[in-house]
Amino acid sequence: MFYTKTLTLVTAAAAKNNGIGINNCLPWRLPKELLYFHKVTKSLALPAKSSADSDEKLISPSAVPVMNACIMGRHTWEGIPKKYRPLGGRYNIVITSNAHLLDAEAPPFSVTQPSITAALKHIEEVNSCSAPSSEQRIHIGRVFIVGGGRIYEEAMNMESCNIQLLLTRVQFPDADKCDAFFPPIDTSKFALQPHRRLEEVVTFKVPSGMQTEAGLEYEFLLYEKRAKALTNS
């Protein structure tokens, strides 16, 4: 089993309508917020556990290199400028029905899988050293979902994992121009956490309250949902 039963969704979305994209590009240019994304998804420190994590089993990677996984849809992959893909220092998994999508580029530490479930199975294989490629002799640590809307929705509805949502809520006046959206957050299932819990999850200090950059205001938030199996135990 991969070392955590937690999936962590990371996104920045317009406060008005959960908009996350315009023409397959980010609706805004917020370098500090983007740095937060990279720091979160590359950090190899183990997050502090909440009571919801009490039965998770961690594996010791010993001398094997550790890398976090970023799971994304095809449109998200193609929306990353070529010079920045794959996402460096992370294991990229692209959800697509086209198994040959990456053949031309042959990027390192990048694979395609047909679904999130298949991606998690692949992670188990990598961590058990049963993956076919010698290049994949690594351990995958934390598992992040980084887009797009359909992939986020599928992950949010998974019952077998704890779900963390690292949401940057952006006060974006042109939100009506967005054509890609993060799913609605069901607050009967997802609980907004205090800022100290967010810092426990990301393992580093994060500025609290409203931040201002490039004329826009935004705030770093964390929502959490426990796996159904754990909730009923």
C-alpha atoms as a PDB file:
ATOM      1  CA  MET A   1       0.000   0.000   0.000  1.00  0.00           C
ATOM      2  CA  PHE A   2       1.303   3.474  -0.771  1.00  0.00           C
ATOM      3  CA  TYR A   3       2.332   5.250   2.397  1.00  0.00           C
ATOM      4  CA  THR A   4      -0.725   7.391   2.934  1.00  0.00           C
ATOM      5  CA  LYS A   5      -4.467   6.939   2.541  1.00  0.00           C
ATOM      6  CA  THR A   6      -4.788  10.664   1.955  1.00  0.00           C
ATOM      7  CA  LEU A   7      -5.253  12.476  -1.344  1.00  0.00           C
ATOM      8  CA  THR A   8      -4.431  16.181  -1.260  1.00  0.00           C
ATOM      9  CA  LEU A   9      -6.139  18.401  -3.827  1.00  0.00           C
ATOM     10  CA  VAL A  10      -4.354  21.675  -4.586  1.00  0.00           C
ATOM     11  CA  THR A  11      -6.026  24.508  -6.477  1.00  0.00           C
ATOM     12  CA  ALA A  12      -6.501  28.249  -6.713  1.00  0.00           C
ATOM     13  CA  ALA A  13     -10.084  29.232  -7.510  1.00  0.00           C
ATOM     14  CA  ALA A  14     -12.078  32.421  -7.907  1.00  0.00           C
ATOM     15  CA  ALA A  15     -14.140  33.132  -4.796  1.00  0.00           C
ATOM     16  CA  LYS A  16     -17.196  34.120  -6.854  1.00  0.00           C
ATOM     17  CA  ASN A  17     -17.674  30.959  -8.921  1.00  0.00           C
ATOM     18  CA  ASN A  18     -14.761  28.543  -8.296  1.00  0.00           C
ATOM     19  CA  GLY A  19     -13.238  29.456 -11.662  1.00  0.00           C
ATOM     20  CA  ILE A  20      -9.814  27.904 -12.181  1.00  0.00           C
ATOM     21  CA  GLY A  21      -9.016  28.516 -15.853  1.00  0.00           C
ATOM     22  CA  ILE A  22      -9.549  30.575 -18.986  1.00  0.00           C
ATOM     23  CA  ASN A  23      -8.676  28.998 -22.355  1.00  0.00           C
ATOM     24  CA  ASN A  24      -6.633  26.294 -20.582  1.00  0.00           C
ATOM     25  CA  CYS A  25      -4.516  28.928 -18.814  1.00  0.00           C
ATOM     26  CA  LEU A  26      -4.566  30.267 -15.266  1.00  0.00           C
ATOM     27  CA  PRO A  27      -6.860  33.295 -14.957  1.00  0.00           C
ATOM     28  CA  TRP A  28      -4.216  35.276 -13.043  1.00  0.00           C
ATOM     29  CA  ARG A  29      -0.485  35.658 -12.602  1.00  0.00           C
ATOM     30  CA  LEU A  30       0.358  35.280  -8.920  1.00  0.00           C
ATOM     31  CA  PRO A  31       4.030  34.253  -8.553  1.00  0.00           C
ATOM     32  CA  LYS A  32       3.903  33.899  -4.760  1.00  0.00           C
ATOM     33  CA  GLU A  33       0.804  31.729  -4.937  1.00  0.00           C
ATOM     34  CA  LEU A  34       2.447  29.587  -7.626  1.00  0.00           C
ATOM     35  CA  LEU A  35       5.520  29.260  -5.413  1.00  0.00           C
ATOM     36  CA  TYR A  36       3.214  27.998  -2.660  1.00  0.00           C
ATOM     37  CA  PHE A  37       1.898  25.324  -5.049  1.00  0.00           C
ATOM     38  CA  HIS A  38       5.401  24.178  -5.926  1.00  0.00           C
ATOM     39  CA  LYS A  39       6.544  24.166  -2.299  1.00  0.00           C
ATOM     40  CA  VAL A  40       3.497  22.193  -1.172  1.00  0.00           C
ATOM     41  CA  THR A  41       3.764  19.548  -3.880  1.00  0.00           C
ATOM     42  CA  LYS A  42       7.541  19.100  -3.564  1.00  0.00           C
ATOM     43  CA  SER A  43       7.830  18.992   0.228  1.00  0.00           C
ATOM     44  CA  LEU A  44       8.923  15.574   1.449  1.00  0.00           C
ATOM     45  CA  ALA A  45       8.379  16.298   5.138  1.00  0.00           C
ATOM     46  CA  LEU A  46       5.709  14.116   6.716  1.00  0.00           C
ATOM     47  CA  PRO A  47       2.674  16.159   7.762  1.00  0.00           C
ATOM     48  CA  ALA A  48       1.553  16.177  11.365  1.00  0.00           C
ATOM     49  CA  LYS A  49      -1.257  13.690  11.874  1.00  0.00           C
ATOM     50  CA  SER A  50      -4.770  14.544  12.899  1.00  0.00           C
ATOM     51  CA  SER A  51      -6.974  12.044  14.697  1.00  0.00           C
ATOM     52  CA  ALA A  52      -8.372  11.155  11.267  1.00  0.00           C
ATOM     53  CA  ASP A  53      -4.955   9.849  10.257  1.00  0.00           C
ATOM     54  CA  SER A  54      -4.425   7.623  13.277  1.00  0.00           C
ATOM     55  CA  ASP A  55      -4.615   4.344  11.375  1.00  0.00           C
ATOM     56  CA  GLU A  56      -2.471   5.323   8.406  1.00  0.00           C
ATOM     57  CA  LYS A  57       0.599   3.190   7.840  1.00  0.00           C
ATOM     58  CA  LEU A  58       3.830   4.843   6.754  1.00  0.00           C
ATOM     59  CA  ILE A  59       6.596   3.066   4.917  1.00  0.00           C
ATOM     60  CA  SER A  60      10.273   3.712   5.355  1.00  0.00           C
ATOM     61  CA  PRO A  61      11.892   4.488   2.006  1.00  0.00           C
ATOM     62  CA  SER A  62      15.400   3.659   3.346  1.00  0.00           C
ATOM     63  CA  ALA A  63      17.954   4.624   0.689  1.00  0.00           C
ATOM     64  CA  VAL A  64      15.456   4.749  -2.168  1.00  0.00           C
ATOM     65  CA  PRO A  65      14.782   8.290  -3.473  1.00  0.00           C
ATOM     66  CA  VAL A  66      11.393   9.689  -2.501  1.00  0.00           C
ATOM     67  CA  MET A  67       9.215  11.782  -4.803  1.00  0.00           C
ATOM     68  CA  ASN A  68       5.658  13.057  -4.412  1.00  0.00           C
ATOM     69  CA  ALA A  69       3.104  12.279  -7.115  1.00  0.00           C
ATOM     70  CA  CYS A  70       1.041  14.874  -8.970  1.00  0.00           C
ATOM     71  CA  ILE A  71      -2.039  13.405 -10.655  1.00  0.00           C
ATOM     72  CA  MET A  72      -3.625  15.528 -13.381  1.00  0.00           C
ATOM     73  CA  GLY A  73      -5.882  15.332 -16.405  1.00  0.00           C
ATOM     74  CA  ARG A  74      -4.729  15.678 -20.003  1.00  0.00           C
ATOM     75  CA  HIS A  75      -5.873  19.288 -20.352  1.00  0.00           C
ATOM     76  CA  THR A  76      -3.967  20.261 -17.212  1.00  0.00           C
ATOM     77  CA  TRP A  77      -0.850  18.541 -18.550  1.00  0.00           C
ATOM     78  CA  GLU A  78      -1.160  20.281 -21.896  1.00  0.00           C
ATOM     79  CA  GLY A  79      -1.783  23.604 -20.145  1.00  0.00           C
ATOM     80  CA  ILE A  80       1.655  23.441 -18.523  1.00  0.00           C
ATOM     81  CA  PRO A  81       4.207  25.218 -20.761  1.00  0.00           C
ATOM     82  CA  LYS A  82       6.465  22.618 -22.384  1.00  0.00           C
ATOM     83  CA  LYS A  83       9.564  24.028 -20.731  1.00  0.00           C
ATOM     84  CA  TYR A  84       7.980  23.389 -17.320  1.00  0.00           C
ATOM     85  CA  ARG A  85       6.692  19.872 -17.885  1.00  0.00           C
ATOM     86  CA  PRO A  86       6.928  17.441 -16.429  1.00  0.00           C
ATOM     87  CA  LEU A  87       6.633  19.169 -13.070  1.00  0.00           C
ATOM     88  CA  GLY A  88      10.197  18.898 -11.826  1.00  0.00           C
ATOM     89  CA  GLY A  89      11.025  16.854  -8.761  1.00  0.00           C
ATOM     90  CA  ARG A  90       7.597  15.205  -8.796  1.00  0.00           C
ATOM     91  CA  TYR A  91       6.205  12.001 -10.280  1.00  0.00           C
ATOM     92  CA  ASN A  92       3.705  13.098 -12.944  1.00  0.00           C
ATOM     93  CA  ILE A  93       0.666  10.907 -13.634  1.00  0.00           C
ATOM     94  CA  VAL A  94      -1.604  12.024 -16.477  1.00  0.00           C
ATOM     95  CA  ILE A  95      -5.153  10.655 -16.492  1.00  0.00           C
ATOM     96  CA  THR A  96      -6.076   9.966 -20.114  1.00  0.00           C
ATOM     97  CA  SER A  97      -7.487   7.236 -22.344  1.00  0.00           C
ATOM     98  CA  ASN A  98      -4.574   7.845 -24.735  1.00  0.00           C
ATOM     99  CA  ALA A  99      -1.853   5.547 -23.432  1.00  0.00           C
ATOM    100  CA  HIS A 100       0.592   6.982 -25.991  1.00  0.00           C
ATOM    101  CA  LEU A 101       0.098  10.642 -25.046  1.00  0.00           C
ATOM    102  CA  LEU A 102       3.623  10.996 -23.658  1.00  0.00           C
ATOM    103  CA  ASP A 103       5.434   8.870 -26.247  1.00  0.00           C
ATOM    104  CA  ALA A 104       6.766  11.793 -28.307  1.00  0.00           C
ATOM    105  CA  GLU A 105       8.133  13.760 -25.359  1.00  0.00           C
ATOM    106  CA  ALA A 106       9.140  10.737 -23.253  1.00  0.00           C
ATOM    107  CA  PRO A 107       9.420  12.905 -20.126  1.00  0.00           C
ATOM    108  CA  PRO A 108      11.196  11.382 -17.109  1.00  0.00           C
ATOM    109  CA  PHE A 109       9.137  10.150 -14.166  1.00  0.00           C
ATOM    110  CA  SER A 110       5.892  10.637 -16.079  1.00  0.00           C
ATOM    111  CA  VAL A 111       3.249   8.054 -16.967  1.00  0.00           C
ATOM    112  CA  THR A 112      -0.324   7.866 -18.213  1.00  0.00           C
ATOM    113  CA  GLN A 113      -3.128   6.030 -16.434  1.00  0.00           C
ATOM    114  CA  PRO A 114      -6.802   5.682 -17.416  1.00  0.00           C
ATOM    115  CA  SER A 115      -8.261   6.705 -14.029  1.00  0.00           C
ATOM    116  CA  ILE A 116      -7.384   7.896 -10.547  1.00  0.00           C
ATOM    117  CA  THR A 117      -7.999   4.378  -9.250  1.00  0.00           C
ATOM    118  CA  ALA A 118      -5.515   3.011 -11.787  1.00  0.00           C
ATOM    119  CA  ALA A 119      -3.063   5.760 -10.824  1.00  0.00           C
ATOM    120  CA  LEU A 120      -3.241   4.761  -7.154  1.00  0.00           C
ATOM    121  CA  LYS A 121      -2.733   1.118  -8.111  1.00  0.00           C
ATOM    122  CA  HIS A 122       0.317   2.182 -10.125  1.00  0.00           C
ATOM    123  CA  ILE A 123       1.667   4.040  -7.086  1.00  0.00           C
ATOM    124  CA  GLU A 124       1.291   0.868  -5.025  1.00  0.00           C
ATOM    125  CA  GLU A 125       3.268  -1.027  -7.681  1.00  0.00           C
ATOM    126  CA  VAL A 126       6.024   1.595  -7.737  1.00  0.00           C
ATOM    127  CA  ASN A 127       6.294   1.502  -3.958  1.00  0.00           C
ATOM    128  CA  SER A 128       6.393  -2.291  -3.916  1.00  0.00           C
ATOM    129  CA  CYS A 129       9.134  -2.258  -6.574  1.00  0.00           C
ATOM    130  CA  SER A 130       6.917  -4.189  -8.994  1.00  0.00           C
ATOM    131  CA  ALA A 131       6.630  -1.423 -11.584  1.00  0.00           C
ATOM    132  CA  PRO A 132       8.105  -2.563 -14.929  1.00  0.00           C
ATOM    133  CA  SER A 133      10.477   0.368 -15.535  1.00  0.00           C
ATOM    134  CA  SER A 134      13.833   0.474 -13.772  1.00  0.00           C
ATOM    135  CA  GLU A 135      13.525   4.271 -13.852  1.00  0.00           C
ATOM    136  CA  GLN A 136      10.660   3.937 -11.396  1.00  0.00           C
ATOM    137  CA  ARG A 137      12.816   2.542  -8.579  1.00  0.00           C
ATOM    138  CA  ILE A 138      11.723   5.260  -6.224  1.00  0.00           C
ATOM    139  CA  HIS A 139       9.211   5.587  -3.447  1.00  0.00           C
ATOM    140  CA  ILE A 140       6.243   7.848  -4.012  1.00  0.00           C
ATOM    141  CA  GLY A 141       5.388   9.849  -0.933  1.00  0.00           C
ATOM    142  CA  ARG A 142       2.409  12.161  -0.792  1.00  0.00           C
ATOM    143  CA  VAL A 143      -0.219  12.086  -3.536  1.00  0.00           C
ATOM    144  CA  PHE A 144      -1.525  15.377  -4.933  1.00  0.00           C
ATOM    145  CA  ILE A 145      -4.408  16.020  -7.332  1.00  0.00           C
ATOM    146  CA  VAL A 146      -3.654  19.159  -9.365  1.00  0.00           C
ATOM    147  CA  GLY A 147      -6.463  19.433 -11.945  1.00  0.00           C
ATOM    148  CA  GLY A 148      -8.618  19.804 -13.817  1.00  0.00           C
ATOM    149  CA  GLY A 149     -12.244  20.054 -12.817  1.00  0.00           C
ATOM    150  CA  ARG A 150     -13.309  16.500 -13.689  1.00  0.00           C
ATOM    151  CA  ILE A 151     -10.279  14.995 -11.961  1.00  0.00           C
ATOM    152  CA  TYR A 152     -10.896  17.102  -8.860  1.00  0.00           C
ATOM    153  CA  GLU A 153     -14.528  15.984  -8.769  1.00  0.00           C
ATOM    154  CA  GLU A 154     -13.639  12.312  -9.122  1.00  0.00           C
ATOM    155  CA  ALA A 155     -11.099  12.607  -6.300  1.00  0.00           C
ATOM    156  CA  MET A 156     -13.494  14.486  -4.010  1.00  0.00           C
ATOM    157  CA  ASN A 157     -16.054  11.699  -4.370  1.00  0.00           C
ATOM    158  CA  MET A 158     -13.664   8.868  -3.511  1.00  0.00           C
ATOM    159  CA  GLU A 159     -14.828   7.117  -0.348  1.00  0.00           C
ATOM    160  CA  SER A 160     -11.711   5.064   0.377  1.00  0.00           C
ATOM    161  CA  CYS A 161      -9.326   7.951   1.081  1.00  0.00           C
ATOM    162  CA  ASN A 162      -9.099  10.894   3.409  1.00  0.00           C
ATOM    163  CA  ILE A 163      -9.361  14.005   1.242  1.00  0.00           C
ATOM    164  CA  GLN A 164      -7.529  17.251   1.932  1.00  0.00           C
ATOM    165  CA  LEU A 165      -8.318  20.333  -0.116  1.00  0.00           C
ATOM    166  CA  LEU A 166      -5.703  23.069  -0.168  1.00  0.00           C
ATOM    167  CA  LEU A 167      -7.693  25.907  -1.678  1.00  0.00           C
ATOM    168  CA  THR A 168      -6.382  29.353  -2.503  1.00  0.00           C
ATOM    169  CA  ARG A 169      -9.527  31.481  -2.678  1.00  0.00           C
ATOM    170  CA  VAL A 170      -8.888  34.396  -5.054  1.00  0.00           C
ATOM    171  CA  GLN A 171     -10.964  37.588  -5.148  1.00  0.00           C
ATOM    172  CA  PHE A 172     -10.977  37.825  -8.949  1.00  0.00           C
ATOM    173  CA  PRO A 173     -13.163  40.544 -10.529  1.00  0.00           C
ATOM    174  CA  ASP A 174     -13.168  38.860 -13.964  1.00  0.00           C
ATOM    175  CA  ALA A 175     -14.409  35.510 -12.651  1.00  0.00           C
ATOM    176  CA  ASP A 176     -17.211  35.464 -15.225  1.00  0.00           C
ATOM    177  CA  LYS A 177     -14.570  34.975 -17.938  1.00  0.00           C
ATOM    178  CA  CYS A 178     -13.546  31.602 -16.496  1.00  0.00           C
ATOM    179  CA  ASP A 179     -14.462  28.514 -18.516  1.00  0.00           C
ATOM    180  CA  ALA A 180     -13.044  25.845 -16.195  1.00  0.00           C
ATOM    181  CA  PHE A 181     -14.243  25.380 -12.646  1.00  0.00           C
ATOM    182  CA  PHE A 182     -13.467  23.612  -9.393  1.00  0.00           C
ATOM    183  CA  PRO A 183     -16.441  21.543  -8.165  1.00  0.00           C
ATOM    184  CA  PRO A 184     -18.729  22.960  -5.468  1.00  0.00           C
ATOM    185  CA  ILE A 185     -17.512  22.159  -1.952  1.00  0.00           C
ATOM    186  CA  ASP A 186     -20.093  20.243   0.066  1.00  0.00           C
ATOM    187  CA  THR A 187     -19.557  21.701   3.539  1.00  0.00           C
ATOM    188  CA  SER A 188     -21.586  18.877   5.078  1.00  0.00           C
ATOM    189  CA  LYS A 189     -18.697  16.590   4.092  1.00  0.00           C
ATOM    190  CA  PHE A 190     -15.719  18.954   3.916  1.00  0.00           C
ATOM    191  CA  ALA A 191     -14.849  20.865   7.086  1.00  0.00           C
ATOM    192  CA  LEU A 192     -12.910  24.135   6.958  1.00  0.00           C
ATOM    193  CA  GLN A 193      -9.860  23.762   9.203  1.00  0.00           C
ATOM    194  CA  PRO A 194      -8.043  26.322  11.362  1.00  0.00           C
ATOM    195  CA  HIS A 195      -4.892  27.867   9.920  1.00  0.00           C
ATOM    196  CA  ARG A 196      -2.661  25.931  12.304  1.00  0.00           C
ATOM    197  CA  ARG A 197      -3.969  22.684  10.793  1.00  0.00           C
ATOM    198  CA  LEU A 198      -3.147  23.950   7.291  1.00  0.00           C
ATOM    199  CA  GLU A 199       0.447  24.525   8.407  1.00  0.00           C
ATOM    200  CA  GLU A 200       0.565  21.019   9.891  1.00  0.00           C
ATOM    201  CA  VAL A 201      -0.541  19.577   6.560  1.00  0.00           C
ATOM    202  CA  VAL A 202       1.848  21.546   4.339  1.00  0.00           C
ATOM    203  CA  THR A 203       4.701  21.268   6.917  1.00  0.00           C
ATOM    204  CA  PHE A 204       5.817  24.906   6.659  1.00  0.00           C
ATOM    205  CA  LYS A 205       4.705  28.358   7.751  1.00  0.00           C
ATOM    206  CA  VAL A 206       2.013  29.961   5.590  1.00  0.00           C
ATOM    207  CA  PRO A 207       0.822  33.578   5.863  1.00  0.00           C
ATOM    208  CA  SER A 208      -2.669  33.735   7.333  1.00  0.00           C
ATOM    209  CA  GLY A 209      -5.533  35.968   6.332  1.00  0.00           C
ATOM    210  CA  MET A 210      -5.962  37.877   3.107  1.00  0.00           C
ATOM    211  CA  GLN A 211      -2.838  38.323   0.961  1.00  0.00           C
ATOM    212  CA  THR A 212      -2.397  40.916  -1.794  1.00  0.00           C
ATOM    213  CA  GLU A 213      -0.429  40.316  -4.988  1.00  0.00           C
ATOM    214  CA  ALA A 214      -0.680  41.833  -8.468  1.00  0.00           C
ATOM    215  CA  GLY A 215      -3.717  43.823  -7.380  1.00  0.00           C
ATOM    216  CA  LEU A 216      -5.638  40.713  -6.288  1.00  0.00           C
ATOM    217  CA  GLU A 217      -6.475  39.448  -2.825  1.00  0.00           C
ATOM    218  CA  TYR A 218      -6.380  35.773  -1.905  1.00  0.00           C
ATOM    219  CA  GLU A 219      -6.365  33.505   1.126  1.00  0.00           C
ATOM    220  CA  PHE A 220      -4.867  30.067   1.789  1.00  0.00           C
ATOM    221  CA  LEU A 221      -7.465  27.612   3.148  1.00  0.00           C
ATOM    222  CA  LEU A 222      -7.722  23.935   4.061  1.00  0.00           C
ATOM    223  CA  TYR A 223     -10.784  21.691   3.985  1.00  0.00           C
ATOM    224  CA  GLU A 224     -10.706  18.038   5.063  1.00  0.00           C
ATOM    225  CA  LYS A 225     -12.955  15.015   4.575  1.00  0.00           C
ATOM    226  CA  ARG A 226     -12.400  11.655   6.213  1.00  0.00           C
ATOM    227  CA  ALA A 227     -12.647   8.401   4.304  1.00  0.00           C
ATOM    228  CA  LYS A 228     -16.088   6.818   4.666  1.00  0.00           C
ATOM    229  CA  ALA A 229     -14.596   3.569   5.937  1.00  0.00           C
ATOM    230  CA  LEU A 230     -12.768   5.437   8.701  1.00  0.00           C
ATOM    231  CA  THR A 231     -15.779   7.603   9.541  1.00  0.00           C
ATOM    232  CA  ASN A 232     -17.914   4.519  10.083  1.00  0.00           C
ATOM    233  CA  SER A 233     -15.315   2.674  12.130  1.00  0.00           C
END
